[in-house]
Amino acid sequence: AISRDNAKNTMYLLMNSLKPEDTAVYYCALDRLVRRVVLT
């Protein structure tokens, strides 16, 4: 589950029921467009 707290300028990723195939380096990223209408 992804979420954000705009008051804290922070985003989150809650990961449940983790599997070995979820093993990876995880990166957060910021969109280049202001208020993009359609998520990409």
Full PDB file with SEQRES, HELIX, SHEET, SSBOND, CRYST1, ORIGX, SCALE, CONECT and MASTER records, all heavy atoms in Angstrom:
SEQRES   1 A   40  ALA ILE SER ARG ASP ASN ALA LYS ASN THR MET TYR LEU          
SEQRES   2 A   40  LEU MET ASN SER LEU LYS PRO GLU ASP THR ALA VAL TYR          
SEQRES   3 A   40  TYR CYS ALA LEU ASP ARG LEU VAL ARG ARG VAL VAL LEU          
SEQRES   4 A   40  THR                                                          
HELIX    1 AA1 PRO A   20  ASP A   22  5                                   3    
SHEET    1 AA1 2 ILE A   2  ASP A   5  0                                        
SHEET    2 AA1 2 THR A  10  LEU A  13 -1                                        
CRYST1    1.000    1.000    1.000  90.00  90.00  90.00 P 1           1          
ORIGX1      1.000000  0.000000  0.000000        0.00000                         
ORIGX2      0.000000  1.000000  0.000000        0.00000                         
ORIGX3      0.000000  0.000000  1.000000        0.00000                         
SCALE1      1.000000  0.000000  0.000000        0.00000                         
SCALE2      0.000000  1.000000  0.000000        0.00000                         
SCALE3      0.000000  0.000000  1.000000        0.00000                         
ATOM      1  N   ALA A   1       0.845  -1.192   0.000  1.00  0.00           N  
ATOM      2  CA  ALA A   1       0.000   0.000   0.000  1.00  0.00           C  
ATOM      3  C   ALA A   1       0.877   1.238   0.000  1.00  0.00           C  
ATOM      4  O   ALA A   1       1.740   1.395   0.884  1.00  0.00           O  
ATOM      5  CB  ALA A   1      -0.911   0.008   1.214  1.00  0.00           C  
ATOM      6  N   ILE A   2       0.649   2.098  -0.976  1.00  0.00           N  
ATOM      7  CA  ILE A   2       1.385   3.357  -1.055  1.00  0.00           C  
ATOM      8  C   ILE A   2       0.523   4.462  -0.449  1.00  0.00           C  
ATOM      9  O   ILE A   2      -0.706   4.456  -0.593  1.00  0.00           O  
ATOM     10  CB  ILE A   2       1.766   3.685  -2.512  1.00  0.00           C  
ATOM     11  CG1 ILE A   2       2.699   4.898  -2.578  1.00  0.00           C  
ATOM     12  CG2 ILE A   2       0.529   3.893  -3.379  1.00  0.00           C  
ATOM     13  CD1 ILE A   2       3.280   5.161  -3.963  1.00  0.00           C  
ATOM     14  N   SER A   3       1.176   5.388   0.236  1.00  0.00           N  
ATOM     15  CA  SER A   3       0.452   6.509   0.822  1.00  0.00           C  
ATOM     16  C   SER A   3       1.395   7.706   0.892  1.00  0.00           C  
ATOM     17  O   SER A   3       2.599   7.577   0.642  1.00  0.00           O  
ATOM     18  CB  SER A   3      -0.078   6.159   2.209  1.00  0.00           C  
ATOM     19  OG  SER A   3       0.985   5.842   3.094  1.00  0.00           O  
ATOM     20  N   ARG A   4       0.825   8.853   1.231  1.00  0.00           N  
ATOM     21  CA  ARG A   4       1.634  10.065   1.357  1.00  0.00           C  
ATOM     22  C   ARG A   4       1.034  10.963   2.421  1.00  0.00           C  
ATOM     23  O   ARG A   4      -0.169  10.943   2.662  1.00  0.00           O  
ATOM     24  CB  ARG A   4       1.721  10.786   0.014  1.00  0.00           C  
ATOM     25  CG  ARG A   4       0.400  11.323  -0.502  1.00  0.00           C  
ATOM     26  CD  ARG A   4       0.539  11.837  -1.944  1.00  0.00           C  
ATOM     27  NE  ARG A   4       1.459  12.960  -2.016  1.00  0.00           N  
ATOM     28  CZ  ARG A   4       2.064  13.350  -3.136  1.00  0.00           C  
ATOM     29  NH1 ARG A   4       1.867  12.675  -4.275  1.00  0.00           N  
ATOM     30  NH2 ARG A   4       2.883  14.393  -3.129  1.00  0.00           N  
ATOM     31  N   ASP A   5       1.903  11.765   3.014  1.00  0.00           N  
ATOM     32  CA  ASP A   5       1.489  12.781   3.972  1.00  0.00           C  
ATOM     33  C   ASP A   5       2.059  14.095   3.461  1.00  0.00           C  
ATOM     34  O   ASP A   5       3.251  14.379   3.657  1.00  0.00           O  
ATOM     35  CB  ASP A   5       2.026  12.440   5.366  1.00  0.00           C  
ATOM     36  CG  ASP A   5       1.518  13.388   6.432  1.00  0.00           C  
ATOM     37  OD1 ASP A   5       1.142  14.527   6.087  1.00  0.00           O  
ATOM     38  OD2 ASP A   5       1.509  13.002   7.611  1.00  0.00           O  
ATOM     39  N   ASN A   6       1.234  14.875   2.807  1.00  0.00           N  
ATOM     40  CA  ASN A   6       1.720  16.122   2.207  1.00  0.00           C  
ATOM     41  C   ASN A   6       2.163  17.152   3.248  1.00  0.00           C  
ATOM     42  O   ASN A   6       2.987  18.006   2.955  1.00  0.00           O  
ATOM     43  CB  ASN A   6       0.663  16.713   1.285  1.00  0.00           C  
ATOM     44  CG  ASN A   6       0.548  15.932  -0.025  1.00  0.00           C  
ATOM     45  OD1 ASN A   6       1.421  15.145  -0.375  1.00  0.00           O  
ATOM     46  ND2 ASN A   6      -0.544  16.154  -0.746  1.00  0.00           N  
ATOM     47  N   ALA A   7       1.624  17.056   4.434  1.00  0.00           N  
ATOM     48  CA  ALA A   7       2.038  17.978   5.500  1.00  0.00           C  
ATOM     49  C   ALA A   7       3.466  17.680   5.968  1.00  0.00           C  
ATOM     50  O   ALA A   7       4.160  18.565   6.464  1.00  0.00           O  
ATOM     51  CB  ALA A   7       1.078  17.883   6.668  1.00  0.00           C  
ATOM     52  N   LYS A   8       3.887  16.426   5.796  1.00  0.00           N  
ATOM     53  CA  LYS A   8       5.227  16.015   6.229  1.00  0.00           C  
ATOM     54  C   LYS A   8       6.192  15.829   5.062  1.00  0.00           C  
ATOM     55  O   LYS A   8       7.336  15.410   5.264  1.00  0.00           O  
ATOM     56  CB  LYS A   8       5.147  14.713   7.033  1.00  0.00           C  
ATOM     57  CG  LYS A   8       4.391  14.834   8.340  1.00  0.00           C  
ATOM     58  CD  LYS A   8       4.395  13.515   9.098  1.00  0.00           C  
ATOM     59  CE  LYS A   8       3.677  13.652  10.433  1.00  0.00           C  
ATOM     60  NZ  LYS A   8       3.660  12.361  11.186  1.00  0.00           N  
ATOM     61  N   ASN A   9       5.721  16.093   3.837  1.00  0.00           N  
ATOM     62  CA  ASN A   9       6.560  15.910   2.638  1.00  0.00           C  
ATOM     63  C   ASN A   9       7.157  14.500   2.586  1.00  0.00           C  
ATOM     64  O   ASN A   9       8.327  14.319   2.230  1.00  0.00           O  
ATOM     65  CB  ASN A   9       7.694  16.936   2.595  1.00  0.00           C  
ATOM     66  CG  ASN A   9       7.191  18.341   2.332  1.00  0.00           C  
ATOM     67  OD1 ASN A   9       6.029  18.549   1.996  1.00  0.00           O  
ATOM     68  ND2 ASN A   9       8.063  19.314   2.506  1.00  0.00           N  
ATOM     69  N   THR A  10       6.334  13.532   2.920  1.00  0.00           N  
ATOM     70  CA  THR A  10       6.821  12.163   3.031  1.00  0.00           C  
ATOM     71  C   THR A  10       5.857  11.196   2.362  1.00  0.00           C  
ATOM     72  O   THR A  10       4.642  11.368   2.437  1.00  0.00           O  
ATOM     73  CB  THR A  10       7.006  11.775   4.503  1.00  0.00           C  
ATOM     74  OG1 THR A  10       7.923  12.697   5.122  1.00  0.00           O  
ATOM     75  CG2 THR A  10       7.574  10.370   4.643  1.00  0.00           C  
ATOM     76  N   MET A  11       6.421  10.189   1.723  1.00  0.00           N  
ATOM     77  CA  MET A  11       5.634   9.121   1.130  1.00  0.00           C  
ATOM     78  C   MET A  11       6.020   7.803   1.789  1.00  0.00           C  
ATOM     79  O   MET A  11       7.112   7.687   2.373  1.00  0.00           O  
ATOM     80  CB  MET A  11       5.896   9.041  -0.378  1.00  0.00           C  
ATOM     81  CG  MET A  11       7.357   8.820  -0.739  1.00  0.00           C  
ATOM     82  SD  MET A  11       7.694   8.968  -2.490  1.00  0.00           S  
ATOM     83  CE  MET A  11       7.049   7.421  -3.081  1.00  0.00           C  
ATOM     84  N   TYR A  12       5.132   6.820   1.691  1.00  0.00           N  
ATOM     85  CA  TYR A  12       5.332   5.558   2.375  1.00  0.00           C  
ATOM     86  C   TYR A  12       4.994   4.386   1.450  1.00  0.00           C  
ATOM     87  O   TYR A  12       4.204   4.519   0.520  1.00  0.00           O  
ATOM     88  CB  TYR A  12       4.449   5.470   3.617  1.00  0.00           C  
ATOM     89  CG  TYR A  12       4.599   6.630   4.560  1.00  0.00           C  
ATOM     90  CD1 TYR A  12       3.725   7.718   4.506  1.00  0.00           C  
ATOM     91  CD2 TYR A  12       5.621   6.656   5.510  1.00  0.00           C  
ATOM     92  CE1 TYR A  12       3.862   8.791   5.367  1.00  0.00           C  
ATOM     93  CE2 TYR A  12       5.758   7.721   6.378  1.00  0.00           C  
ATOM     94  CZ  TYR A  12       4.883   8.784   6.305  1.00  0.00           C  
ATOM     95  OH  TYR A  12       5.033   9.839   7.154  1.00  0.00           O  
ATOM     96  N   LEU A  13       5.583   3.245   1.764  1.00  0.00           N  
ATOM     97  CA  LEU A  13       5.193   1.998   1.110  1.00  0.00           C  
ATOM     98  C   LEU A  13       5.110   0.935   2.194  1.00  0.00           C  
ATOM     99  O   LEU A  13       6.140   0.529   2.751  1.00  0.00           O  
ATOM    100  CB  LEU A  13       6.206   1.588   0.039  1.00  0.00           C  
ATOM    101  CG  LEU A  13       5.814   0.335  -0.756  1.00  0.00           C  
ATOM    102  CD1 LEU A  13       4.589   0.631  -1.636  1.00  0.00           C  
ATOM    103  CD2 LEU A  13       6.970  -0.152  -1.624  1.00  0.00           C  
ATOM    104  N   LEU A  14       3.894   0.520   2.499  1.00  0.00           N  
ATOM    105  CA  LEU A  14       3.684  -0.543   3.470  1.00  0.00           C  
ATOM    106  C   LEU A  14       3.659  -1.860   2.705  1.00  0.00           C  
ATOM    107  O   LEU A  14       2.865  -2.034   1.790  1.00  0.00           O  
ATOM    108  CB  LEU A  14       2.364  -0.336   4.216  1.00  0.00           C  
ATOM    109  CG  LEU A  14       1.976  -1.438   5.199  1.00  0.00           C  
ATOM    110  CD1 LEU A  14       3.021  -1.583   6.292  1.00  0.00           C  
ATOM    111  CD2 LEU A  14       0.600  -1.157   5.779  1.00  0.00           C  
ATOM    112  N   MET A  15       4.538  -2.757   3.086  1.00  0.00           N  
ATOM    113  CA  MET A  15       4.682  -4.032   2.385  1.00  0.00           C  
ATOM    114  C   MET A  15       4.322  -5.168   3.336  1.00  0.00           C  
ATOM    115  O   MET A  15       5.000  -5.369   4.349  1.00  0.00           O  
ATOM    116  CB  MET A  15       6.120  -4.193   1.880  1.00  0.00           C  
ATOM    117  CG  MET A  15       6.592  -3.037   1.019  1.00  0.00           C  
ATOM    118  SD  MET A  15       8.241  -3.276   0.339  1.00  0.00           S  
ATOM    119  CE  MET A  15       9.212  -3.198   1.838  1.00  0.00           C  
ATOM    120  N   ASN A  16       3.254  -5.867   3.019  1.00  0.00           N  
ATOM    121  CA  ASN A  16       2.789  -7.005   3.811  1.00  0.00           C  
ATOM    122  C   ASN A  16       2.971  -8.306   3.040  1.00  0.00           C  
ATOM    123  O   ASN A  16       3.134  -8.298   1.823  1.00  0.00           O  
ATOM    124  CB  ASN A  16       1.311  -6.827   4.176  1.00  0.00           C  
ATOM    125  CG  ASN A  16       1.064  -5.646   5.075  1.00  0.00           C  
ATOM    126  OD1 ASN A  16       1.817  -5.392   6.015  1.00  0.00           O  
ATOM    127  ND2 ASN A  16      -0.005  -4.910   4.801  1.00  0.00           N  
ATOM    128  N   SER A  17       2.900  -9.414   3.752  1.00  0.00           N  
ATOM    129  CA  SER A  17       3.001 -10.747   3.134  1.00  0.00           C  
ATOM    130  C   SER A  17       4.191 -10.824   2.181  1.00  0.00           C  
ATOM    131  O   SER A  17       4.068 -11.278   1.038  1.00  0.00           O  
ATOM    132  CB  SER A  17       1.703 -11.068   2.387  1.00  0.00           C  
ATOM    133  OG  SER A  17       0.594 -11.027   3.254  1.00  0.00           O  
ATOM    134  N   LEU A  18       5.316 -10.376   2.661  1.00  0.00           N  
ATOM    135  CA  LEU A  18       6.499 -10.310   1.810  1.00  0.00           C  
ATOM    136  C   LEU A  18       6.953 -11.694   1.360  1.00  0.00           C  
ATOM    137  O   LEU A  18       6.843 -12.680   2.118  1.00  0.00           O  
ATOM    138  CB  LEU A  18       7.629  -9.590   2.534  1.00  0.00           C  
ATOM    139  CG  LEU A  18       7.484  -8.062   2.553  1.00  0.00           C  
ATOM    140  CD1 LEU A  18       8.335  -7.436   3.626  1.00  0.00           C  
ATOM    141  CD2 LEU A  18       7.841  -7.478   1.183  1.00  0.00           C  
ATOM    142  N   LYS A  19       7.464 -11.746   0.133  1.00  0.00           N  
ATOM    143  CA  LYS A  19       7.943 -12.985  -0.460  1.00  0.00           C  
ATOM    144  C   LYS A  19       9.423 -12.828  -0.811  1.00  0.00           C  
ATOM    145  O   LYS A  19       9.893 -11.702  -1.029  1.00  0.00           O  
ATOM    146  CB  LYS A  19       7.155 -13.277  -1.740  1.00  0.00           C  
ATOM    147  CG  LYS A  19       5.656 -13.327  -1.559  1.00  0.00           C  
ATOM    148  CD  LYS A  19       4.965 -13.483  -2.903  1.00  0.00           C  
ATOM    149  CE  LYS A  19       3.453 -13.515  -2.753  1.00  0.00           C  
ATOM    150  NZ  LYS A  19       2.764 -13.665  -4.066  1.00  0.00           N  
ATOM    151  N   PRO A  20      10.145 -13.928  -0.920  1.00  0.00           N  
ATOM    152  CA  PRO A  20      11.558 -13.827  -1.310  1.00  0.00           C  
ATOM    153  C   PRO A  20      11.752 -13.083  -2.632  1.00  0.00           C  
ATOM    154  O   PRO A  20      12.755 -12.375  -2.802  1.00  0.00           O  
ATOM    155  CB  PRO A  20      11.987 -15.286  -1.423  1.00  0.00           C  
ATOM    156  CG  PRO A  20      11.122 -16.004  -0.440  1.00  0.00           C  
ATOM    157  CD  PRO A  20       9.794 -15.297  -0.521  1.00  0.00           C  
ATOM    158  N   GLU A  21      10.804 -13.192  -3.536  1.00  0.00           N  
ATOM    159  CA  GLU A  21      10.926 -12.501  -4.826  1.00  0.00           C  
ATOM    160  C   GLU A  21      10.734 -10.992  -4.709  1.00  0.00           C  
ATOM    161  O   GLU A  21      10.918 -10.266  -5.691  1.00  0.00           O  
ATOM    162  CB  GLU A  21       9.956 -13.083  -5.857  1.00  0.00           C  
ATOM    163  CG  GLU A  21       8.524 -13.195  -5.388  1.00  0.00           C  
ATOM    164  CD  GLU A  21       8.186 -14.577  -4.871  1.00  0.00           C  
ATOM    165  OE1 GLU A  21       8.998 -15.155  -4.108  1.00  0.00           O  
ATOM    166  OE2 GLU A  21       7.083 -15.074  -5.200  1.00  0.00           O  
ATOM    167  N   ASP A  22      10.362 -10.498  -3.538  1.00  0.00           N  
ATOM    168  CA  ASP A  22      10.293  -9.052  -3.318  1.00  0.00           C  
ATOM    169  C   ASP A  22      11.659  -8.473  -2.969  1.00  0.00           C  
ATOM    170  O   ASP A  22      11.813  -7.253  -2.857  1.00  0.00           O  
ATOM    171  CB  ASP A  22       9.317  -8.725  -2.178  1.00  0.00           C  
ATOM    172  CG  ASP A  22       7.881  -9.079  -2.512  1.00  0.00           C  
ATOM    173  OD1 ASP A  22       7.452  -8.815  -3.655  1.00  0.00           O  
ATOM    174  OD2 ASP A  22       7.191  -9.623  -1.628  1.00  0.00           O  
ATOM    175  N   THR A  23      12.654  -9.326  -2.784  1.00  0.00           N  
ATOM    176  CA  THR A  23      13.994  -8.867  -2.471  1.00  0.00           C  
ATOM    177  C   THR A  23      14.547  -7.994  -3.585  1.00  0.00           C  
ATOM    178  O   THR A  23      14.564  -8.386  -4.754  1.00  0.00           O  
ATOM    179  CB  THR A  23      14.930 -10.063  -2.245  1.00  0.00           C  
ATOM    180  OG1 THR A  23      14.499 -10.791  -1.096  1.00  0.00           O  
ATOM    181  CG2 THR A  23      16.368  -9.608  -2.042  1.00  0.00           C  
ATOM    182  N   ALA A  24      14.958  -6.777  -3.222  1.00  0.00           N  
ATOM    183  CA  ALA A  24      15.447  -5.813  -4.212  1.00  0.00           C  
ATOM    184  C   ALA A  24      15.884  -4.546  -3.492  1.00  0.00           C  
ATOM    185  O   ALA A  24      15.630  -4.380  -2.295  1.00  0.00           O  
ATOM    186  CB  ALA A  24      14.355  -5.471  -5.218  1.00  0.00           C  
ATOM    187  N   VAL A  25      16.507  -3.659  -4.241  1.00  0.00           N  
ATOM    188  CA  VAL A  25      16.717  -2.292  -3.765  1.00  0.00           C  
ATOM    189  C   VAL A  25      15.489  -1.487  -4.194  1.00  0.00           C  
ATOM    190  O   VAL A  25      15.109  -1.508  -5.366  1.00  0.00           O  
ATOM    191  CB  VAL A  25      17.996  -1.682  -4.346  1.00  0.00           C  
ATOM    192  CG1 VAL A  25      18.144  -0.228  -3.887  1.00  0.00           C  
ATOM    193  CG2 VAL A  25      19.215  -2.496  -3.919  1.00  0.00           C  
ATOM    194  N   TYR A  26      14.893  -0.813  -3.249  1.00  0.00           N  
ATOM    195  CA  TYR A  26      13.683  -0.032  -3.500  1.00  0.00           C  
ATOM    196  C   TYR A  26      14.034   1.451  -3.582  1.00  0.00           C  
ATOM    197  O   TYR A  26      14.750   1.973  -2.714  1.00  0.00           O  
ATOM    198  CB  TYR A  26      12.654  -0.285  -2.393  1.00  0.00           C  
ATOM    199  CG  TYR A  26      11.958  -1.607  -2.540  1.00  0.00           C  
ATOM    200  CD1 TYR A  26      12.639  -2.797  -2.291  1.00  0.00           C  
ATOM    201  CD2 TYR A  26      10.624  -1.690  -2.948  1.00  0.00           C  
ATOM    202  CE1 TYR A  26      12.014  -4.028  -2.444  1.00  0.00           C  
ATOM    203  CE2 TYR A  26       9.990  -2.912  -3.099  1.00  0.00           C  
ATOM    204  CZ  TYR A  26      10.694  -4.071  -2.850  1.00  0.00           C  
ATOM    205  OH  TYR A  26      10.072  -5.292  -3.008  1.00  0.00           O  
ATOM    206  N   TYR A  27      13.490   2.103  -4.612  1.00  0.00           N  
ATOM    207  CA  TYR A  27      13.755   3.514  -4.864  1.00  0.00           C  
ATOM    208  C   TYR A  27      12.443   4.302  -4.865  1.00  0.00           C  
ATOM    209  O   TYR A  27      11.464   3.866  -5.474  1.00  0.00           O  
ATOM    210  CB  TYR A  27      14.405   3.705  -6.234  1.00  0.00           C  
ATOM    211  CG  TYR A  27      15.737   3.017  -6.404  1.00  0.00           C  
ATOM    212  CD1 TYR A  27      15.808   1.719  -6.872  1.00  0.00           C  
ATOM    213  CD2 TYR A  27      16.921   3.687  -6.111  1.00  0.00           C  
ATOM    214  CE1 TYR A  27      17.027   1.084  -7.051  1.00  0.00           C  
ATOM    215  CE2 TYR A  27      18.155   3.064  -6.283  1.00  0.00           C  
ATOM    216  CZ  TYR A  27      18.192   1.760  -6.747  1.00  0.00           C  
ATOM    217  OH  TYR A  27      19.413   1.139  -6.909  1.00  0.00           O  
ATOM    218  N   CYS A  28      12.457   5.456  -4.229  1.00  0.00           N  
ATOM    219  CA  CYS A  28      11.331   6.371  -4.380  1.00  0.00           C  
ATOM    220  C   CYS A  28      11.678   7.393  -5.462  1.00  0.00           C  
ATOM    221  O   CYS A  28      12.859   7.653  -5.731  1.00  0.00           O  
ATOM    222  CB  CYS A  28      10.998   7.069  -3.071  1.00  0.00           C  
ATOM    223  SG  CYS A  28      12.323   8.042  -2.327  1.00  0.00           S  
ATOM    224  N   ALA A  29      10.648   7.936  -6.087  1.00  0.00           N  
ATOM    225  CA  ALA A  29      10.867   8.839  -7.214  1.00  0.00           C  
ATOM    226  C   ALA A  29       9.781   9.900  -7.257  1.00  0.00           C  
ATOM    227  O   ALA A  29       8.639   9.656  -6.847  1.00  0.00           O  
ATOM    228  CB  ALA A  29      10.877   8.046  -8.520  1.00  0.00           C  
ATOM    229  N   LEU A  30      10.145  11.075  -7.791  1.00  0.00           N  
ATOM    230  CA  LEU A  30       9.261  12.232  -7.864  1.00  0.00           C  
ATOM    231  C   LEU A  30       8.954  12.531  -9.327  1.00  0.00           C  
ATOM    232  O   LEU A  30       9.869  12.615 -10.166  1.00  0.00           O  
ATOM    233  CB  LEU A  30       9.947  13.419  -7.203  1.00  0.00           C  
ATOM    234  CG  LEU A  30       9.143  14.671  -6.928  1.00  0.00           C  
ATOM    235  CD1 LEU A  30       8.040  14.398  -5.914  1.00  0.00           C  
ATOM    236  CD2 LEU A  30      10.065  15.778  -6.411  1.00  0.00           C  
ATOM    237  N   ASP A  31       7.683  12.689  -9.650  1.00  0.00           N  
ATOM    238  CA  ASP A  31       7.240  12.970 -11.024  1.00  0.00           C  
ATOM    239  C   ASP A  31       7.862  14.272 -11.530  1.00  0.00           C  
ATOM    240  O   ASP A  31       8.070  15.205 -10.753  1.00  0.00           O  
ATOM    241  CB  ASP A  31       5.713  13.068 -11.025  1.00  0.00           C  
ATOM    242  CG  ASP A  31       5.105  12.935 -12.410  1.00  0.00           C  
ATOM    243  OD1 ASP A  31       5.810  13.131 -13.421  1.00  0.00           O  
ATOM    244  OD2 ASP A  31       3.899  12.652 -12.487  1.00  0.00           O  
ATOM    245  N   ARG A  32       8.084  14.338 -12.829  1.00  0.00           N  
ATOM    246  CA  ARG A  32       8.656  15.559 -13.402  1.00  0.00           C  
ATOM    247  C   ARG A  32       7.598  16.599 -13.729  1.00  0.00           C  
ATOM    248  O   ARG A  32       7.913  17.766 -13.919  1.00  0.00           O  
ATOM    249  CB  ARG A  32       9.459  15.222 -14.659  1.00  0.00           C  
ATOM    250  CG  ARG A  32       8.653  14.710 -15.829  1.00  0.00           C  
ATOM    251  CD  ARG A  32       9.519  14.504 -17.065  1.00  0.00           C  
ATOM    252  NE  ARG A  32      10.502  13.458 -16.889  1.00  0.00           N  
ATOM    253  CZ  ARG A  32      11.819  13.680 -16.849  1.00  0.00           C  
ATOM    254  NH1 ARG A  32      12.273  14.906 -16.966  1.00  0.00           N  
ATOM    255  NH2 ARG A  32      12.646  12.678 -16.714  1.00  0.00           N  
ATOM    256  N   LEU A  33       6.307  16.202 -13.808  1.00  0.00           N  
ATOM    257  CA  LEU A  33       5.235  17.124 -14.171  1.00  0.00           C  
ATOM    258  C   LEU A  33       4.401  17.524 -12.956  1.00  0.00           C  
ATOM    259  O   LEU A  33       4.113  16.684 -12.102  1.00  0.00           O  
ATOM    260  CB  LEU A  33       4.318  16.501 -15.222  1.00  0.00           C  
ATOM    261  CG  LEU A  33       4.921  16.260 -16.603  1.00  0.00           C  
ATOM    262  CD1 LEU A  33       3.854  15.687 -17.529  1.00  0.00           C  
ATOM    263  CD2 LEU A  33       5.472  17.553 -17.187  1.00  0.00           C  
ATOM    264  N   VAL A  34       3.981  18.775 -12.936  1.00  0.00           N  
ATOM    265  CA  VAL A  34       3.119  19.248 -11.870  1.00  0.00           C  
ATOM    266  C   VAL A  34       1.710  18.700 -12.070  1.00  0.00           C  
ATOM    267  O   VAL A  34       1.149  18.800 -13.158  1.00  0.00           O  
ATOM    268  CB  VAL A  34       3.068  20.794 -11.868  1.00  0.00           C  
ATOM    269  CG1 VAL A  34       2.026  21.282 -10.874  1.00  0.00           C  
ATOM    270  CG2 VAL A  34       4.431  21.363 -11.541  1.00  0.00           C  
ATOM    271  N   ARG A  35       1.174  18.075 -11.006  1.00  0.00           N  
ATOM    272  CA  ARG A  35      -0.213  17.602 -10.989  1.00  0.00           C  
ATOM    273  C   ARG A  35      -0.589  16.833 -12.259  1.00  0.00           C  
ATOM    274  O   ARG A  35      -1.613  17.128 -12.897  1.00  0.00           O  
ATOM    275  CB  ARG A  35      -1.158  18.777 -10.750  1.00  0.00           C  
ATOM    276  CG  ARG A  35      -0.898  19.469  -9.415  1.00  0.00           C  
ATOM    277  CD  ARG A  35      -2.027  20.358  -8.954  1.00  0.00           C  
ATOM    278  NE  ARG A  35      -1.745  20.902  -7.628  1.00  0.00           N  
ATOM    279  CZ  ARG A  35      -2.613  21.570  -6.883  1.00  0.00           C  
ATOM    280  NH1 ARG A  35      -3.838  21.761  -7.335  1.00  0.00           N  
ATOM    281  NH2 ARG A  35      -2.265  22.034  -5.706  1.00  0.00           N  
ATOM    282  N   ARG A  36       0.217  15.863 -12.592  1.00  0.00           N  
ATOM    283  CA  ARG A  36      -0.071  14.989 -13.735  1.00  0.00           C  
ATOM    284  C   ARG A  36      -1.470  14.390 -13.573  1.00  0.00           C  
ATOM    285  O   ARG A  36      -1.819  13.891 -12.494  1.00  0.00           O  
ATOM    286  CB  ARG A  36       0.979  13.884 -13.825  1.00  0.00           C  
ATOM    287  CG  ARG A  36       0.833  13.007 -15.053  1.00  0.00           C  
ATOM    288  CD  ARG A  36       1.801  11.843 -14.977  1.00  0.00           C  
ATOM    289  NE  ARG A  36       3.194  12.242 -15.014  1.00  0.00           N  
ATOM    290  CZ  ARG A  36       3.920  12.368 -16.120  1.00  0.00           C  
ATOM    291  NH1 ARG A  36       3.362  12.108 -17.295  1.00  0.00           N  
ATOM    292  NH2 ARG A  36       5.189  12.707 -16.056  1.00  0.00           N  
ATOM    293  N   VAL A  37      -2.256  14.391 -14.654  1.00  0.00           N  
ATOM    294  CA  VAL A  37      -3.641  13.945 -14.560  1.00  0.00           C  
ATOM    295  C   VAL A  37      -3.727  12.423 -14.459  1.00  0.00           C  
ATOM    296  O   VAL A  37      -4.492  11.873 -13.657  1.00  0.00           O  
ATOM    297  CB  VAL A  37      -4.454  14.437 -15.769  1.00  0.00           C  
ATOM    298  CG1 VAL A  37      -5.861  13.857 -15.743  1.00  0.00           C  
ATOM    299  CG2 VAL A  37      -4.498  15.959 -15.779  1.00  0.00           C  
ATOM    300  N   VAL A  38      -2.933  11.719 -15.274  1.00  0.00           N  
ATOM    301  CA  VAL A  38      -2.988  10.255 -15.311  1.00  0.00           C  
ATOM    302  C   VAL A  38      -1.693   9.696 -14.746  1.00  0.00           C  
ATOM    303  O   VAL A  38      -0.602  10.036 -15.211  1.00  0.00           O  
ATOM    304  CB  VAL A  38      -3.189   9.748 -16.755  1.00  0.00           C  
ATOM    305  CG1 VAL A  38      -3.207   8.221 -16.780  1.00  0.00           C  
ATOM    306  CG2 VAL A  38      -4.475  10.318 -17.337  1.00  0.00           C  
ATOM    307  N   LEU A  39      -1.783   8.835 -13.744  1.00  0.00           N  
ATOM    308  CA  LEU A  39      -0.598   8.215 -13.168  1.00  0.00           C  
ATOM    309  C   LEU A  39       0.120   7.379 -14.222  1.00  0.00           C  
ATOM    310  O   LEU A  39      -0.514   6.712 -15.029  1.00  0.00           O  
ATOM    311  CB  LEU A  39      -0.976   7.318 -11.992  1.00  0.00           C  
ATOM    312  CG  LEU A  39      -1.199   7.986 -10.645  1.00  0.00           C  
ATOM    313  CD1 LEU A  39      -1.689   6.968  -9.636  1.00  0.00           C  
ATOM    314  CD2 LEU A  39       0.055   8.666 -10.152  1.00  0.00           C  
ATOM    315  N   THR A  40       1.425   7.415 -14.173  1.00  0.00           N  
ATOM    316  CA  THR A  40       2.192   6.638 -15.121  1.00  0.00           C  
ATOM    317  C   THR A  40       3.128   5.684 -14.393  1.00  0.00           C  
ATOM    318  O   THR A  40       3.594   5.980 -13.291  1.00  0.00           O  
ATOM    319  CB  THR A  40       3.013   7.552 -16.058  1.00  0.00           C  
ATOM    320  OG1 THR A  40       3.779   6.740 -16.936  1.00  0.00           O  
ATOM    321  CG2 THR A  40       3.948   8.441 -15.256  1.00  0.00           C  
TER     322      THR A  40                                                      
MASTER        0    0    0    1    2    0    0    6  321    1    0    4          
END                                                                             
